[in-house]
Amino acid sequence: MPDVMIEAHGLTKSYGRPSARVRVLDGIGLRVARAGVFALLGPNGAGKTTTVRILATLTTADAGTARVAGYDVVADRRRVRRAISLTGQFAAVDETLTGEENLRMMARLTGHSRARSRQRAEELLERFGLTDAARRLVRTYSGGMRRRLDLAAGLVGSPEPGVFFLDEPTTGLDPRSRRELWQVVRDLAGRGATVLLTTQYLEEADQLADRIAVLNKGRIAAEGTPEQLKSRVPGHRLDLVLTTREAYLRLAARAVHHSPGSLTLGLPTDGTAAQTRALLDEIDPQRTDVDRFSLHSATLDDVFLTLTAENAEPADTAEAPARV
């Protein structure tokens, strides 16, 4: 298998009427090496799902090129589809069948014999911790169990390790189910799979991804390891909850994080006690404007908010190598 499993250059895509076209992708590029987890972050409408759909051969880019597992997504569409597994935001399994029946059906549809289909279903049910629920109707499964079954179904006919596209796979799951699915993703990567993950959960990307690209306004705003991205914002932040809107507006220009609904502002600081005391004395000498405060290190939330701010300009990193 090639060392670079996903490679894209200059992908553009627009939707809408000719007189009112909306550009969703504006020349993005990706380069993802074999094995590991690569996360694609961005606000709603940034182009994450469109990127996945192009790479998974479900839609065609207006311009640009892409290769997955060494195959061109347009010229070699069938070969790409044999090498990938795609899991969307909602589990695509039949609730009127059992877990075992779902997997056997998928195996038969991909050309396996009856005996091999039964064997493959047993293998995957055990691997994804669903053996005890194999003969239960899927409608009785929890959300996390359905997602695991969905991932297992994607593996039935795809060669391993292969490429996995997971488009917001933990949407709607409770915290326990999300963490169970995280372990499944780690196991896939540990077996040599290449996982391209889109998510709205920044903690999820921080926990799973070897490398992250942040999409903003259809372009790559930044790319790197989680630690590299965190280094782009101040090392520490002092979050202040103000007592009045007047105090909030007076200090807003100095802040790197804004939450007007809760009257919270985040100010950069070096994290030392001396500077924290000095900063509080400076901005609130009468001790009437600050209700409470907290100090924390930079997180992916800070990176995300900084890079996707309304006036943020995408960085010219579309063709930078992405090693996972």
Protein backbone atom coordinates (compact mmCIF):
# COMPACT_ATOMS: atom_id res chain seq x y z
CA MET A 1 0.00 0.00 0.00
CA PRO A 2 1.23 3.56 -0.64
CA ASP A 3 2.80 5.59 2.16
CA VAL A 4 0.41 8.47 1.42
CA MET A 5 -3.16 7.19 1.68
CA ILE A 6 -5.04 10.44 1.04
CA GLU A 7 -3.76 13.20 -1.19
CA ALA A 8 -5.71 16.17 -2.52
CA HIS A 9 -4.69 19.32 -4.36
CA GLY A 10 -6.74 22.43 -5.09
CA LEU A 11 -10.17 20.99 -4.37
CA THR A 12 -12.96 23.47 -5.05
CA LYS A 13 -16.71 22.95 -4.87
CA SER A 14 -19.67 25.30 -5.22
CA TYR A 15 -23.40 24.76 -4.83
CA GLY A 16 -26.49 26.69 -5.86
CA ARG A 17 -27.93 28.35 -8.93
CA PRO A 18 -25.50 29.78 -11.52
CA SER A 19 -26.54 33.28 -10.49
CA ALA A 20 -26.01 32.61 -6.78
CA ARG A 21 -23.24 30.05 -6.42
CA VAL A 22 -21.86 29.46 -2.92
CA ARG A 23 -18.27 28.25 -2.80
CA VAL A 24 -17.96 25.59 -0.10
CA LEU A 25 -14.37 24.54 -0.83
CA ASP A 26 -11.82 27.06 -2.03
CA GLY A 27 -8.76 25.15 -3.20
CA ILE A 28 -7.93 22.96 -0.22
CA GLY A 29 -5.15 20.39 -0.16
CA LEU A 30 -4.47 17.43 2.13
CA ARG A 31 -1.72 14.87 2.42
CA VAL A 32 -2.34 12.07 4.91
CA ALA A 33 0.19 9.31 5.52
CA ARG A 34 -0.70 5.67 6.09
CA ALA A 35 -1.83 4.60 9.59
CA GLY A 36 -3.13 6.92 12.30
CA VAL A 37 -5.93 9.42 12.78
CA PHE A 38 -6.24 12.72 10.93
CA ALA A 39 -8.97 15.08 12.17
CA LEU A 40 -10.76 17.71 10.11
CA LEU A 41 -12.22 20.46 12.30
CA GLY A 42 -14.30 23.47 11.37
CA PRO A 43 -17.56 25.29 12.07
CA ASN A 44 -20.80 24.28 10.40
CA GLY A 45 -20.62 25.01 6.69
CA ALA A 46 -16.82 25.02 6.59
CA GLY A 47 -16.74 22.18 4.04
CA LYS A 48 -15.85 19.13 6.15
CA THR A 49 -18.59 16.83 4.88
CA THR A 50 -18.13 18.05 1.30
CA THR A 51 -14.44 17.13 1.51
CA VAL A 52 -15.28 13.65 2.76
CA ARG A 53 -17.90 13.15 0.04
CA ILE A 54 -15.38 14.07 -2.66
CA LEU A 55 -12.70 11.76 -1.25
CA ALA A 56 -15.25 8.94 -0.87
CA THR A 57 -16.37 9.36 -4.53
CA LEU A 58 -19.91 10.42 -3.57
CA THR A 59 -19.59 13.79 -5.29
CA THR A 60 -17.21 15.36 -7.79
CA ALA A 61 -15.08 18.45 -7.20
CA ASP A 62 -15.46 21.38 -9.57
CA ALA A 63 -11.66 21.57 -9.79
CA GLY A 64 -8.63 19.91 -8.28
CA THR A 65 -7.45 16.33 -7.93
CA ALA A 66 -7.52 13.69 -5.22
CA ARG A 67 -6.16 10.19 -4.72
CA VAL A 68 -7.13 7.70 -2.04
CA ALA A 69 -5.11 4.52 -1.40
CA GLY A 70 -3.16 5.37 -4.55
CA TYR A 71 -6.24 5.62 -6.81
CA ASP A 72 -7.72 8.68 -8.49
CA VAL A 73 -11.17 9.36 -7.02
CA VAL A 74 -12.63 10.05 -10.48
CA ALA A 75 -10.76 7.77 -12.88
CA ASP A 76 -10.47 4.84 -10.42
CA ARG A 77 -13.72 5.26 -8.52
CA ARG A 78 -14.41 1.54 -8.15
CA ARG A 79 -10.96 0.80 -6.78
CA VAL A 80 -11.26 3.67 -4.31
CA ARG A 81 -14.59 2.30 -3.07
CA ARG A 82 -13.07 -1.15 -2.51
CA ALA A 83 -10.33 0.40 -0.36
CA ILE A 84 -12.46 2.60 1.90
CA SER A 85 -15.14 2.49 4.55
CA LEU A 86 -17.48 5.42 5.12
CA THR A 87 -19.47 6.07 8.28
CA GLY A 88 -21.77 9.10 8.31
CA GLN A 89 -23.39 11.01 11.15
CA PHE A 90 -26.17 8.45 11.58
CA ALA A 91 -25.89 4.67 11.72
CA ALA A 92 -26.88 3.09 8.39
CA VAL A 93 -28.07 -0.27 9.68
CA ASP A 94 -31.42 -2.04 9.39
CA GLU A 95 -33.24 -1.84 12.73
CA THR A 96 -35.61 -4.68 11.79
CA LEU A 97 -32.72 -7.17 11.58
CA THR A 98 -30.39 -8.48 14.26
CA GLY A 99 -26.79 -7.36 14.45
CA GLU A 100 -25.65 -10.68 13.02
CA GLU A 101 -28.17 -10.51 10.17
CA ASN A 102 -27.00 -7.01 9.26
CA LEU A 103 -23.39 -8.12 8.95
CA ARG A 104 -24.23 -11.34 7.08
CA MET A 105 -26.37 -9.36 4.64
CA MET A 106 -23.54 -6.89 4.01
CA ALA A 107 -21.11 -9.74 3.49
CA ARG A 108 -23.39 -11.40 0.94
CA LEU A 109 -23.83 -8.09 -0.89
CA THR A 110 -20.06 -7.76 -1.20
CA GLY A 111 -19.77 -11.19 -2.78
CA HIS A 112 -18.91 -13.52 0.10
CA SER A 113 -20.30 -17.04 0.21
CA ARG A 114 -22.85 -17.99 2.87
CA ALA A 115 -20.22 -19.77 4.95
CA ARG A 116 -17.73 -16.92 4.67
CA SER A 117 -20.47 -14.37 5.44
CA ARG A 118 -21.34 -16.20 8.64
CA GLN A 119 -17.67 -16.42 9.62
CA ARG A 120 -17.02 -12.75 8.84
CA ALA A 121 -20.03 -11.66 10.88
CA GLU A 122 -18.83 -13.67 13.88
CA GLU A 123 -15.33 -12.18 13.60
CA LEU A 124 -16.59 -8.62 13.53
CA LEU A 125 -19.20 -9.06 16.25
CA GLU A 126 -16.48 -10.32 18.57
CA ARG A 127 -14.04 -7.60 17.56
CA PHE A 128 -16.54 -4.81 18.24
CA GLY A 129 -17.85 -6.27 21.50
CA LEU A 130 -21.28 -7.19 20.13
CA THR A 131 -21.27 -10.98 20.41
CA ASP A 132 -23.75 -11.04 23.31
CA ALA A 133 -26.15 -8.83 21.35
CA ALA A 134 -25.64 -10.60 18.00
CA ARG A 135 -29.18 -12.04 17.83
CA ARG A 136 -31.00 -9.02 19.23
CA LEU A 137 -32.90 -6.70 16.93
CA VAL A 138 -30.89 -3.56 16.25
CA ARG A 139 -33.83 -1.41 17.35
CA THR A 140 -33.00 -2.56 20.91
CA TYR A 141 -29.36 -1.42 20.66
CA SER A 142 -28.05 1.69 22.38
CA GLY A 143 -26.68 4.53 20.26
CA GLY A 144 -23.11 3.44 20.93
CA MET A 145 -23.85 -0.16 19.95
CA ARG A 146 -25.42 0.97 16.68
CA ARG A 147 -22.36 3.05 15.85
CA ARG A 148 -20.08 0.08 16.54
CA LEU A 149 -22.26 -2.13 14.34
CA ASP A 150 -22.14 0.53 11.63
CA LEU A 151 -18.34 0.54 11.74
CA ALA A 152 -18.30 -3.26 11.67
CA ALA A 153 -20.56 -3.24 8.61
CA GLY A 154 -18.11 -0.95 6.87
CA LEU A 155 -15.36 -3.48 7.46
CA VAL A 156 -17.22 -6.46 6.02
CA GLY A 157 -16.16 -5.98 2.44
CA SER A 158 -13.29 -3.52 2.73
CA PRO A 159 -9.72 -4.80 2.80
CA GLU A 160 -7.85 -4.00 5.97
CA PRO A 161 -6.13 -1.89 7.06
CA GLY A 162 -7.66 0.43 4.44
CA VAL A 163 -8.99 3.97 4.78
CA PHE A 164 -11.85 4.95 7.08
CA PHE A 165 -13.87 8.12 6.65
CA LEU A 166 -15.73 8.90 9.86
CA ASP A 167 -17.99 11.93 9.41
CA GLU A 168 -18.94 13.11 12.92
CA PRO A 169 -19.40 9.51 14.11
CA THR A 170 -20.21 10.37 17.73
CA THR A 171 -23.04 12.82 17.00
CA GLY A 172 -25.85 12.26 19.48
CA LEU A 173 -23.98 9.75 21.65
CA ASP A 174 -23.80 10.01 25.43
CA PRO A 175 -20.34 10.51 27.01
CA ARG A 176 -19.85 6.80 27.82
CA SER A 177 -20.77 5.69 24.27
CA ARG A 178 -18.50 8.37 22.82
CA ARG A 179 -15.54 7.06 24.80
CA GLU A 180 -16.30 3.49 23.77
CA LEU A 181 -16.25 4.57 20.14
CA TRP A 182 -12.98 6.44 20.70
CA GLN A 183 -11.40 3.15 21.73
CA VAL A 184 -12.71 1.51 18.55
CA VAL A 185 -11.06 4.27 16.49
CA ARG A 186 -7.79 3.84 18.39
CA ASP A 187 -7.91 0.09 17.72
CA LEU A 188 -8.45 0.69 13.98
CA ALA A 189 -5.45 3.01 13.83
CA GLY A 190 -3.41 0.57 15.90
CA ARG A 191 -4.06 -2.11 13.26
CA GLY A 192 -2.62 0.15 10.57
CA ALA A 193 -5.79 1.80 9.27
CA THR A 194 -5.83 5.39 8.08
CA VAL A 195 -8.72 7.27 9.69
CA LEU A 196 -9.98 10.64 8.46
CA LEU A 197 -12.27 11.97 11.17
CA THR A 198 -14.53 15.02 11.07
CA THR A 199 -15.91 16.16 14.38
CA GLN A 200 -17.47 19.08 16.22
CA TYR A 201 -16.03 17.85 19.51
CA LEU A 202 -12.63 19.47 20.06
CA GLU A 203 -11.85 17.11 22.93
CA GLU A 204 -12.42 14.22 20.53
CA ALA A 205 -9.83 15.52 18.07
CA ASP A 206 -7.40 16.21 20.92
CA GLN A 207 -7.82 12.68 22.26
CA LEU A 208 -7.64 10.80 18.95
CA ALA A 209 -5.82 12.73 16.26
CA ASP A 210 -2.15 12.54 15.41
CA ARG A 211 -2.64 15.54 13.16
CA ILE A 212 -5.42 18.12 12.71
CA ALA A 213 -6.48 20.49 9.93
CA VAL A 214 -8.82 23.37 10.73
CA LEU A 215 -11.20 24.35 7.91
CA ASN A 216 -12.53 27.89 7.79
CA LYS A 217 -14.47 29.51 4.94
CA GLY A 218 -13.63 26.62 2.63
CA ARG A 219 -9.87 26.81 3.13
CA ILE A 220 -7.31 25.27 5.47
CA ALA A 221 -6.76 27.82 8.26
CA ALA A 222 -4.06 25.81 10.01
CA GLU A 223 -2.64 22.31 10.19
CA GLY A 224 -0.39 20.42 12.57
CA THR A 225 -0.28 18.17 15.61
CA PRO A 226 -2.56 19.13 18.51
CA GLU A 227 0.42 20.55 20.40
CA GLN A 228 1.59 22.57 17.39
CA LEU A 229 -1.87 24.10 17.01
CA LYS A 230 -2.11 24.93 20.71
CA SER A 231 1.21 26.78 20.47
CA ARG A 232 -0.44 29.26 18.07
CA VAL A 233 -2.40 30.86 20.92
CA PRO A 234 -1.19 32.30 24.24
CA GLY A 235 0.16 29.65 26.58
CA HIS A 236 -2.31 30.53 29.32
CA ARG A 237 -5.59 32.38 29.48
CA LEU A 238 -7.27 34.20 32.33
CA ASP A 239 -11.04 33.88 32.01
CA LEU A 240 -12.99 36.65 33.68
CA VAL A 241 -16.72 36.69 34.41
CA LEU A 242 -17.68 40.35 34.52
CA THR A 243 -20.39 41.83 36.71
CA THR A 244 -21.82 44.25 34.12
CA ARG A 245 -22.11 44.57 30.37
CA GLU A 246 -20.33 47.91 30.58
CA ALA A 247 -17.28 46.25 32.10
CA TYR A 248 -17.45 43.52 29.44
CA LEU A 249 -17.48 46.04 26.59
CA ARG A 250 -14.67 48.08 28.14
CA LEU A 251 -12.33 45.07 28.23
CA ALA A 252 -13.50 43.22 25.10
CA ALA A 253 -10.79 44.65 22.82
CA ARG A 254 -8.04 43.09 24.99
CA ALA A 255 -9.56 39.63 25.02
CA VAL A 256 -8.68 36.57 22.91
CA HIS A 257 -11.89 34.76 23.90
CA HIS A 258 -15.38 36.28 24.01
CA SER A 259 -18.62 34.90 25.44
CA PRO A 260 -21.09 37.79 25.59
CA GLY A 261 -23.96 35.63 26.82
CA SER A 262 -22.17 34.85 30.08
CA LEU A 263 -20.18 38.14 30.16
CA THR A 264 -16.96 36.10 30.02
CA LEU A 265 -13.70 37.32 28.49
CA GLY A 266 -10.38 35.47 28.16
CA LEU A 267 -7.18 37.51 28.44
CA PRO A 268 -3.70 36.22 27.55
CA THR A 269 -1.29 35.71 30.42
CA ASP A 270 1.96 33.88 31.14
CA GLY A 271 0.27 31.90 33.91
CA THR A 272 2.36 33.17 36.80
CA ALA A 273 0.76 34.28 40.05
CA ALA A 274 2.55 37.63 39.89
CA GLN A 275 1.17 38.53 36.47
CA THR A 276 -2.30 37.25 37.32
CA ARG A 277 -2.44 39.49 40.43
CA ALA A 278 -1.08 42.45 38.47
CA LEU A 279 -3.57 41.94 35.65
CA LEU A 280 -6.53 41.75 38.02
CA ASP A 281 -5.39 44.90 39.84
CA GLU A 282 -4.97 46.71 36.51
CA ILE A 283 -8.33 45.88 34.98
CA ASP A 284 -10.37 46.03 38.18
CA PRO A 285 -8.67 48.37 40.66
CA GLN A 286 -11.92 48.95 42.56
CA ARG A 287 -12.66 45.21 42.67
CA THR A 288 -16.21 45.71 41.41
CA ASP A 289 -16.04 44.61 37.75
CA VAL A 290 -14.82 40.99 38.06
CA ASP A 291 -17.22 38.50 39.62
CA ARG A 292 -14.89 35.47 39.38
CA PHE A 293 -11.96 34.19 37.32
CA SER A 294 -10.19 30.99 36.29
CA LEU A 295 -6.79 30.27 34.76
CA HIS A 296 -6.12 27.52 32.25
CA SER A 297 -3.66 26.44 29.57
CA ALA A 298 -4.39 26.77 25.86
CA THR A 299 -6.80 24.17 24.51
CA LEU A 300 -8.07 23.23 21.08
CA ASP A 301 -11.14 25.28 21.92
CA ASP A 302 -8.90 28.36 22.01
CA VAL A 303 -7.27 27.37 18.72
CA PHE A 304 -10.64 26.73 17.10
CA LEU A 305 -12.14 30.04 18.25
CA THR A 306 -9.03 31.99 17.21
CA LEU A 307 -8.70 30.42 13.75
CA THR A 308 -12.40 30.52 12.89
CA ALA A 309 -13.04 34.04 14.15
CA GLU A 310 -15.05 36.19 11.75
CA ASN A 311 -12.00 38.21 10.72
CA ALA A 312 -9.53 35.32 10.66
CA GLU A 313 -7.70 34.83 7.38
CA PRO A 314 -6.97 31.23 6.27
CA ALA A 315 -3.28 30.44 6.30
CA ASP A 316 -1.52 29.57 3.07
CA THR A 317 -0.96 25.96 4.12
CA ALA A 318 -3.25 24.08 1.76
CA GLU A 319 -0.47 21.98 0.31
CA ALA A 320 1.53 21.40 3.48
CA PRO A 321 2.30 17.72 4.16
CA ALA A 322 0.10 16.07 6.75
CA ARG A 323 1.88 13.21 8.46
CA VAL A 324 -0.12 10.93 10.72
